[in-house]
Amino acid sequence: MTATFKRIGLIGKSGDQNVSTTLQALSALLERHRLQIQVDEDIADMIAGSVGAVVTRETLARQCDLAIVVGGDGTLLNAARSLADTGCAVLGVNLGRLGFLTEVTREMTRQLANMLVRDGSPQHLRIAGQIDAAPLALRPIMAVIEVISFFV
């Protein structure tokens, strides 16, 4: 499936100064490229002069093409649970310690913003389903594999 990301949602780990600095820089870059931005209400106070609409996580999930999640793997997993049943792609920016799931580093955010607006459309693939792990799990486990590739 080919996706062109026009409405970007911003989600992050609240209360972290490094996350705040990265969110501010990222939102300024996205705004400069005239992309529509929606900010998760939990982090709106972390972005000075909050650009874009401040919305609930549920609204962001329904209306955005892409959610950029700034934090660590835990922040990404939290956001992914909210976005799993929607068509919103998820991309993590790693400010945590390990970053097994959040591959993009803070230093790569400028490149990321530039890739979002280039002529080469990104490819977005999502495979989601439930795993029945009975008797080990009390309920089915949601599993999501997501790939976003930029061809430039």
N, C-alpha and C. Protein backbone atom coordinates (compact mmCIF):
# COMPACT_ATOMS: atom_id res chain seq x y z
N MET A 1 0.84 -1.16 0.00
CA MET A 1 0.00 0.00 0.00
C MET A 1 0.89 1.23 0.00
N THR A 2 0.63 2.18 -0.89
CA THR A 2 1.39 3.42 -0.93
C THR A 2 0.68 4.45 -0.06
N ALA A 3 1.44 5.12 0.76
CA ALA A 3 0.87 6.14 1.63
C ALA A 3 1.65 7.43 1.47
N THR A 4 0.94 8.54 1.38
CA THR A 4 1.57 9.83 1.43
C THR A 4 1.11 10.45 2.74
N PHE A 5 2.05 10.80 3.56
CA PHE A 5 1.72 11.30 4.89
C PHE A 5 1.50 12.81 4.83
N LYS A 6 0.28 13.23 5.07
CA LYS A 6 -0.06 14.65 5.05
C LYS A 6 -0.42 15.18 6.43
N ARG A 7 -1.04 14.35 7.24
CA ARG A 7 -1.41 14.76 8.60
C ARG A 7 -0.59 13.93 9.57
N ILE A 8 0.27 14.61 10.34
CA ILE A 8 1.22 13.95 11.23
C ILE A 8 0.80 14.18 12.67
N GLY A 9 0.74 13.11 13.44
CA GLY A 9 0.46 13.20 14.86
C GLY A 9 1.75 13.11 15.65
N LEU A 10 1.86 13.90 16.71
CA LEU A 10 3.03 13.86 17.58
C LEU A 10 2.64 13.32 18.94
N ILE A 11 3.36 12.30 19.38
CA ILE A 11 3.15 11.66 20.68
C ILE A 11 4.52 11.57 21.34
N GLY A 12 4.57 11.71 22.65
CA GLY A 12 5.86 11.61 23.33
C GLY A 12 5.72 11.24 24.79
N LYS A 13 6.87 11.03 25.39
CA LYS A 13 6.93 10.72 26.82
C LYS A 13 6.82 12.04 27.57
N SER A 14 5.73 12.20 28.30
CA SER A 14 5.51 13.47 28.99
C SER A 14 6.47 13.65 30.16
N GLY A 15 6.84 14.91 30.40
CA GLY A 15 7.68 15.25 31.53
C GLY A 15 9.18 15.08 31.31
N ASP A 16 9.61 14.77 30.10
CA ASP A 16 11.03 14.56 29.81
C ASP A 16 11.54 15.74 28.99
N GLN A 17 12.54 16.46 29.51
CA GLN A 17 13.06 17.66 28.84
C GLN A 17 13.66 17.34 27.47
N ASN A 18 14.36 16.21 27.33
CA ASN A 18 14.92 15.83 26.03
C ASN A 18 13.81 15.59 25.00
N VAL A 19 12.73 14.98 25.45
CA VAL A 19 11.59 14.76 24.57
C VAL A 19 10.99 16.10 24.16
N SER A 20 10.86 17.01 25.11
CA SER A 20 10.31 18.34 24.82
C SER A 20 11.12 19.07 23.77
N THR A 21 12.43 19.07 23.92
CA THR A 21 13.32 19.73 22.96
C THR A 21 13.18 19.11 21.57
N THR A 22 13.14 17.80 21.51
CA THR A 22 13.01 17.11 20.22
C THR A 22 11.65 17.37 19.59
N LEU A 23 10.58 17.34 20.39
CA LEU A 23 9.25 17.62 19.86
C LEU A 23 9.16 19.03 19.30
N GLN A 24 9.76 20.00 19.99
CA GLN A 24 9.72 21.38 19.50
C GLN A 24 10.45 21.51 18.16
N ALA A 25 11.62 20.90 18.06
CA ALA A 25 12.38 20.96 16.81
C ALA A 25 11.63 20.24 15.68
N LEU A 26 11.08 19.08 15.99
CA LEU A 26 10.36 18.29 15.00
C LEU A 26 9.10 19.02 14.53
N SER A 27 8.34 19.59 15.45
CA SER A 27 7.11 20.29 15.05
C SER A 27 7.44 21.51 14.19
N ALA A 28 8.54 22.21 14.50
CA ALA A 28 8.94 23.36 13.68
C ALA A 28 9.32 22.91 12.26
N LEU A 29 10.05 21.80 12.16
CA LEU A 29 10.42 21.27 10.84
C LEU A 29 9.18 20.87 10.03
N LEU A 30 8.27 20.18 10.66
CA LEU A 30 7.06 19.73 9.96
C LEU A 30 6.20 20.92 9.55
N GLU A 31 6.11 21.91 10.40
CA GLU A 31 5.33 23.10 10.08
C GLU A 31 5.96 23.86 8.91
N ARG A 32 7.28 23.95 8.88
CA ARG A 32 7.97 24.60 7.77
C ARG A 32 7.66 23.93 6.43
N HIS A 33 7.44 22.62 6.48
CA HIS A 33 7.10 21.87 5.26
C HIS A 33 5.59 21.89 5.00
N ARG A 34 4.87 22.65 5.79
CA ARG A 34 3.42 22.83 5.65
C ARG A 34 2.62 21.53 5.78
N LEU A 35 3.10 20.65 6.64
CA LEU A 35 2.34 19.45 6.96
C LEU A 35 1.36 19.76 8.08
N GLN A 36 0.21 19.14 8.06
CA GLN A 36 -0.76 19.31 9.13
C GLN A 36 -0.27 18.54 10.35
N ILE A 37 -0.31 19.18 11.51
CA ILE A 37 0.19 18.55 12.72
C ILE A 37 -0.93 18.46 13.74
N GLN A 38 -1.02 17.30 14.38
CA GLN A 38 -1.90 17.13 15.53
C GLN A 38 -1.04 16.66 16.70
N VAL A 39 -1.27 17.28 17.84
CA VAL A 39 -0.46 17.01 19.03
C VAL A 39 -1.31 16.28 20.06
N ASP A 40 -0.79 15.18 20.57
CA ASP A 40 -1.46 14.43 21.64
C ASP A 40 -1.62 15.35 22.84
N GLU A 41 -2.81 15.40 23.40
CA GLU A 41 -3.09 16.32 24.50
C GLU A 41 -2.18 16.11 25.71
N ASP A 42 -1.64 14.92 25.87
CA ASP A 42 -0.78 14.64 27.02
C ASP A 42 0.57 15.35 26.95
N ILE A 43 0.96 15.81 25.74
CA ILE A 43 2.26 16.46 25.60
C ILE A 43 2.17 17.89 25.08
N ALA A 44 0.96 18.42 24.94
CA ALA A 44 0.77 19.75 24.35
C ALA A 44 1.55 20.82 25.11
N ASP A 45 1.65 20.70 26.42
CA ASP A 45 2.37 21.71 27.21
C ASP A 45 3.88 21.64 27.01
N MET A 46 4.37 20.59 26.36
CA MET A 46 5.81 20.43 26.14
C MET A 46 6.28 21.12 24.87
N ILE A 47 5.34 21.55 24.03
CA ILE A 47 5.69 22.21 22.78
C ILE A 47 5.31 23.67 22.91
N ALA A 48 6.33 24.54 22.98
CA ALA A 48 6.10 25.98 23.13
C ALA A 48 5.26 26.50 21.98
N GLY A 49 4.20 27.26 22.30
CA GLY A 49 3.35 27.81 21.26
C GLY A 49 2.73 26.74 20.40
N SER A 50 2.37 25.65 21.02
CA SER A 50 1.87 24.43 20.38
C SER A 50 1.30 24.65 18.98
N VAL A 51 2.03 24.12 18.01
CA VAL A 51 1.59 24.19 16.62
C VAL A 51 0.60 23.08 16.38
N GLY A 52 -0.32 23.31 15.49
CA GLY A 52 -1.28 22.28 15.16
C GLY A 52 -2.37 22.16 16.21
N ALA A 53 -3.28 21.27 15.94
CA ALA A 53 -4.41 21.05 16.84
C ALA A 53 -4.01 20.13 17.97
N VAL A 54 -4.46 20.45 19.17
CA VAL A 54 -4.27 19.58 20.32
C VAL A 54 -5.50 18.67 20.40
N VAL A 55 -5.26 17.36 20.35
CA VAL A 55 -6.37 16.40 20.26
C VAL A 55 -6.13 15.24 21.22
N THR A 56 -7.18 14.47 21.45
CA THR A 56 -7.05 13.26 22.24
C THR A 56 -6.29 12.22 21.43
N ARG A 57 -5.76 11.22 22.09
CA ARG A 57 -5.06 10.14 21.40
C ARG A 57 -5.99 9.43 20.41
N GLU A 58 -7.26 9.25 20.81
CA GLU A 58 -8.22 8.57 19.94
C GLU A 58 -8.46 9.37 18.66
N THR A 59 -8.60 10.68 18.78
CA THR A 59 -8.79 11.54 17.60
C THR A 59 -7.56 11.51 16.71
N LEU A 60 -6.39 11.59 17.32
CA LEU A 60 -5.14 11.53 16.58
C LEU A 60 -5.06 10.23 15.79
N ALA A 61 -5.42 9.13 16.42
CA ALA A 61 -5.36 7.81 15.77
C ALA A 61 -6.29 7.74 14.57
N ARG A 62 -7.47 8.34 14.67
CA ARG A 62 -8.45 8.30 13.58
C ARG A 62 -8.09 9.24 12.43
N GLN A 63 -7.47 10.37 12.73
CA GLN A 63 -7.31 11.41 11.72
C GLN A 63 -5.92 11.50 11.09
N CYS A 64 -4.91 10.94 11.71
CA CYS A 64 -3.54 11.10 11.19
C CYS A 64 -3.13 9.94 10.28
N ASP A 65 -2.26 10.27 9.33
CA ASP A 65 -1.68 9.27 8.45
C ASP A 65 -0.46 8.61 9.10
N LEU A 66 0.22 9.40 9.93
CA LEU A 66 1.45 8.95 10.58
C LEU A 66 1.54 9.55 11.97
N ALA A 67 1.91 8.75 12.95
CA ALA A 67 2.20 9.24 14.29
C ALA A 67 3.69 9.08 14.53
N ILE A 68 4.35 10.19 14.87
CA ILE A 68 5.75 10.14 15.25
C ILE A 68 5.79 10.13 16.76
N VAL A 69 6.39 9.07 17.32
CA VAL A 69 6.41 8.86 18.76
C VAL A 69 7.84 9.12 19.25
N VAL A 70 7.98 10.10 20.15
CA VAL A 70 9.29 10.49 20.66
C VAL A 70 9.44 10.00 22.08
N GLY A 71 10.44 9.16 22.32
CA GLY A 71 10.70 8.58 23.64
C GLY A 71 11.53 7.34 23.48
N GLY A 72 11.17 6.33 24.21
CA GLY A 72 11.86 5.05 24.11
C GLY A 72 10.90 3.96 23.67
N ASP A 73 11.34 2.73 23.79
CA ASP A 73 10.51 1.60 23.38
C ASP A 73 9.20 1.54 24.17
N GLY A 74 9.23 1.86 25.45
CA GLY A 74 8.02 1.83 26.26
C GLY A 74 6.99 2.84 25.77
N THR A 75 7.45 4.03 25.42
CA THR A 75 6.55 5.06 24.89
C THR A 75 5.96 4.60 23.56
N LEU A 76 6.79 3.98 22.72
CA LEU A 76 6.31 3.48 21.44
C LEU A 76 5.27 2.38 21.63
N LEU A 77 5.52 1.45 22.54
CA LEU A 77 4.56 0.37 22.78
C LEU A 77 3.23 0.92 23.31
N ASN A 78 3.30 1.91 24.19
CA ASN A 78 2.09 2.54 24.70
C ASN A 78 1.29 3.18 23.57
N ALA A 79 1.98 3.92 22.70
CA ALA A 79 1.31 4.57 21.57
C ALA A 79 0.76 3.52 20.60
N ALA A 80 1.53 2.48 20.34
CA ALA A 80 1.11 1.45 19.38
C ALA A 80 -0.19 0.78 19.80
N ARG A 81 -0.37 0.60 21.11
CA ARG A 81 -1.63 0.01 21.59
C ARG A 81 -2.81 0.91 21.22
N SER A 82 -2.62 2.22 21.29
CA SER A 82 -3.70 3.15 20.97
C SER A 82 -3.96 3.23 19.47
N LEU A 83 -2.96 2.95 18.67
CA LEU A 83 -3.06 3.16 17.23
C LEU A 83 -3.24 1.86 16.44
N ALA A 84 -3.17 0.72 17.09
CA ALA A 84 -3.12 -0.57 16.41
C ALA A 84 -4.32 -0.84 15.51
N ASP A 85 -5.50 -0.43 15.90
CA ASP A 85 -6.70 -0.75 15.13
C ASP A 85 -7.04 0.30 14.09
N THR A 86 -6.15 1.26 13.85
CA THR A 86 -6.42 2.33 12.90
C THR A 86 -5.47 2.19 11.70
N GLY A 87 -5.62 3.06 10.73
CA GLY A 87 -4.73 3.06 9.58
C GLY A 87 -3.52 3.96 9.78
N CYS A 88 -3.34 4.47 10.97
CA CYS A 88 -2.26 5.40 11.26
C CYS A 88 -0.93 4.64 11.40
N ALA A 89 0.04 5.01 10.57
CA ALA A 89 1.38 4.42 10.66
C ALA A 89 2.08 4.98 11.90
N VAL A 90 3.05 4.24 12.42
CA VAL A 90 3.76 4.64 13.63
C VAL A 90 5.26 4.62 13.37
N LEU A 91 5.93 5.71 13.76
CA LEU A 91 7.38 5.79 13.60
C LEU A 91 7.96 6.31 14.91
N GLY A 92 8.91 5.58 15.49
CA GLY A 92 9.48 5.95 16.78
C GLY A 92 10.80 6.67 16.66
N VAL A 93 10.96 7.75 17.44
CA VAL A 93 12.24 8.46 17.56
C VAL A 93 12.81 8.10 18.92
N ASN A 94 13.99 7.51 18.93
CA ASN A 94 14.57 6.96 20.15
C ASN A 94 15.27 8.02 20.99
N LEU A 95 14.77 8.22 22.20
CA LEU A 95 15.46 9.02 23.21
C LEU A 95 15.66 8.19 24.46
N GLY A 96 15.36 6.91 24.36
CA GLY A 96 15.52 6.00 25.49
C GLY A 96 16.92 5.42 25.52
N ARG A 97 17.09 4.36 26.29
CA ARG A 97 18.41 3.76 26.44
C ARG A 97 18.73 2.73 25.36
N LEU A 98 17.78 1.84 25.05
CA LEU A 98 18.10 0.74 24.15
C LEU A 98 17.66 0.99 22.71
N GLY A 99 16.40 1.22 22.50
CA GLY A 99 15.93 1.51 21.16
C GLY A 99 15.84 0.33 20.22
N PHE A 100 15.33 -0.79 20.70
CA PHE A 100 15.13 -1.93 19.81
C PHE A 100 13.99 -1.66 18.83
N LEU A 101 12.98 -0.93 19.26
CA LEU A 101 11.81 -0.64 18.42
C LEU A 101 11.86 0.76 17.84
N THR A 102 12.44 1.69 18.54
CA THR A 102 12.53 3.07 18.08
C THR A 102 13.87 3.26 17.39
N GLU A 103 13.87 3.11 16.08
CA GLU A 103 15.11 3.09 15.30
C GLU A 103 15.66 4.47 14.96
N VAL A 104 14.78 5.46 14.78
CA VAL A 104 15.22 6.79 14.37
C VAL A 104 15.80 7.52 15.59
N THR A 105 16.98 8.10 15.43
CA THR A 105 17.60 8.84 16.53
C THR A 105 17.23 10.32 16.43
N ARG A 106 17.45 11.05 17.51
CA ARG A 106 17.15 12.48 17.53
C ARG A 106 17.91 13.20 16.40
N GLU A 107 19.13 12.77 16.15
CA GLU A 107 19.94 13.41 15.12
C GLU A 107 19.36 13.20 13.72
N MET A 108 18.52 12.20 13.55
CA MET A 108 17.95 11.88 12.24
C MET A 108 16.62 12.59 11.98
N THR A 109 16.10 13.38 12.92
CA THR A 109 14.77 13.96 12.76
C THR A 109 14.69 14.94 11.60
N ARG A 110 15.75 15.70 11.34
CA ARG A 110 15.73 16.64 10.20
C ARG A 110 15.62 15.85 8.89
N GLN A 111 16.39 14.78 8.77
CA GLN A 111 16.30 13.93 7.58
C GLN A 111 14.91 13.32 7.45
N LEU A 112 14.34 12.93 8.57
CA LEU A 112 13.00 12.35 8.58
C LEU A 112 11.98 13.34 8.02
N ALA A 113 12.01 14.57 8.50
CA ALA A 113 11.07 15.59 8.02
C ALA A 113 11.25 15.82 6.53
N ASN A 114 12.48 15.85 6.06
CA ASN A 114 12.73 16.05 4.63
C ASN A 114 12.21 14.88 3.81
N MET A 115 12.35 13.65 4.31
CA MET A 115 11.87 12.48 3.59
C MET A 115 10.35 12.46 3.49
N LEU A 116 9.68 13.02 4.49
CA LEU A 116 8.22 13.03 4.48
C LEU A 116 7.64 13.89 3.36
N VAL A 117 8.40 14.86 2.87
CA VAL A 117 7.87 15.77 1.86
C VAL A 117 8.50 15.60 0.48
N ARG A 118 9.44 14.68 0.34
CA ARG A 118 10.04 14.44 -0.98
C ARG A 118 9.03 13.83 -1.92
N ASP A 119 9.37 13.89 -3.20
CA ASP A 119 8.48 13.35 -4.23
C ASP A 119 8.31 11.84 -4.12
N GLY A 120 9.35 11.13 -3.73
CA GLY A 120 9.25 9.68 -3.61
C GLY A 120 8.32 9.31 -2.47
N SER A 121 7.20 8.68 -2.78
CA SER A 121 6.22 8.34 -1.75
C SER A 121 6.73 7.21 -0.88
N PRO A 122 6.51 7.31 0.42
CA PRO A 122 6.89 6.20 1.29
C PRO A 122 5.97 5.01 1.08
N GLN A 123 6.49 3.84 1.34
CA GLN A 123 5.69 2.62 1.29
C GLN A 123 5.37 2.23 2.74
N HIS A 124 4.14 1.92 2.99
CA HIS A 124 3.69 1.59 4.34
C HIS A 124 3.01 0.23 4.31
N LEU A 125 3.49 -0.68 5.13
CA LEU A 125 2.91 -2.02 5.22
C LEU A 125 2.65 -2.33 6.69
N ARG A 126 1.45 -2.78 6.99
CA ARG A 126 1.13 -3.18 8.36
C ARG A 126 0.48 -4.55 8.33
N ILE A 127 0.97 -5.42 9.19
CA ILE A 127 0.37 -6.74 9.39
C ILE A 127 0.00 -6.81 10.87
N ALA A 128 -1.27 -7.00 11.14
CA ALA A 128 -1.72 -7.04 12.53
C ALA A 128 -2.59 -8.27 12.74
N GLY A 129 -2.57 -8.77 13.95
CA GLY A 129 -3.39 -9.92 14.27
C GLY A 129 -3.32 -10.26 15.74
N GLN A 130 -4.04 -11.26 16.13
CA GLN A 130 -4.02 -11.70 17.52
C GLN A 130 -3.37 -13.07 17.61
N ILE A 131 -2.64 -13.24 18.68
CA ILE A 131 -1.99 -14.52 18.95
C ILE A 131 -2.69 -15.14 20.15
N ASP A 132 -3.19 -16.35 19.98
CA ASP A 132 -3.83 -17.05 21.08
C ASP A 132 -2.75 -17.86 21.79
N ALA A 133 -2.30 -17.35 22.93
CA ALA A 133 -1.20 -17.98 23.66
C ALA A 133 -1.69 -18.78 24.86
N ALA A 134 -2.96 -19.19 24.82
CA ALA A 134 -3.49 -19.98 25.92
C ALA A 134 -2.70 -21.27 26.04
N PRO A 135 -2.46 -21.78 27.18
CA PRO A 135 -2.90 -21.34 28.50
C PRO A 135 -1.93 -20.35 29.16
N LEU A 136 -0.90 -19.89 28.46
CA LEU A 136 0.08 -19.00 29.07
C LEU A 136 -0.44 -17.59 29.30
N ALA A 137 -1.31 -17.12 28.43
CA ALA A 137 -1.83 -15.76 28.56
C ALA A 137 -3.31 -15.82 28.92
N LEU A 138 -3.77 -14.82 29.66
CA LEU A 138 -5.16 -14.78 30.08
C LEU A 138 -6.08 -14.37 28.94
N ARG A 139 -5.54 -13.63 27.97
CA ARG A 139 -6.35 -13.19 26.83
C ARG A 139 -5.45 -13.18 25.59
N PRO A 140 -6.05 -13.12 24.39
CA PRO A 140 -5.23 -13.07 23.18
C PRO A 140 -4.29 -11.85 23.18
N ILE A 141 -3.15 -12.00 22.56
CA ILE A 141 -2.14 -10.95 22.51
C ILE A 141 -2.17 -10.31 21.14
N MET A 142 -2.19 -8.97 21.10
CA MET A 142 -2.16 -8.24 19.84
C MET A 142 -0.73 -8.18 19.33
N ALA A 143 -0.52 -8.47 18.06
CA ALA A 143 0.81 -8.40 17.46
C ALA A 143 0.73 -7.53 16.21
N VAL A 144 1.70 -6.63 16.05
CA VAL A 144 1.73 -5.73 14.90
C VAL A 144 3.15 -5.70 14.34
N ILE A 145 3.25 -5.88 13.05
CA ILE A 145 4.52 -5.68 12.35
C ILE A 145 4.28 -4.54 11.38
N GLU A 146 5.12 -3.53 11.47
CA GLU A 146 4.92 -2.35 10.62
C GLU A 146 6.25 -1.95 9.99
N VAL A 147 6.18 -1.62 8.71
CA VAL A 147 7.37 -1.20 7.98
C VAL A 147 7.02 0.07 7.21
N ILE A 148 7.88 1.08 7.34
CA ILE A 148 7.77 2.30 6.54
C ILE A 148 9.09 2.45 5.82
N SER A 149 9.05 2.44 4.50
CA SER A 149 10.28 2.59 3.71
C SER A 149 10.16 3.83 2.85
N PHE A 150 11.25 4.59 2.79
CA PHE A 150 11.29 5.78 1.97
C PHE A 150 12.16 5.51 0.76
N PHE A 151 11.58 5.65 -0.43
CA PHE A 151 12.35 5.47 -1.67
C PHE A 151 12.62 6.84 -2.23
N VAL A 152 13.89 7.20 -2.27
CA VAL A 152 14.27 8.53 -2.76
C VAL A 152 15.21 8.41 -3.94
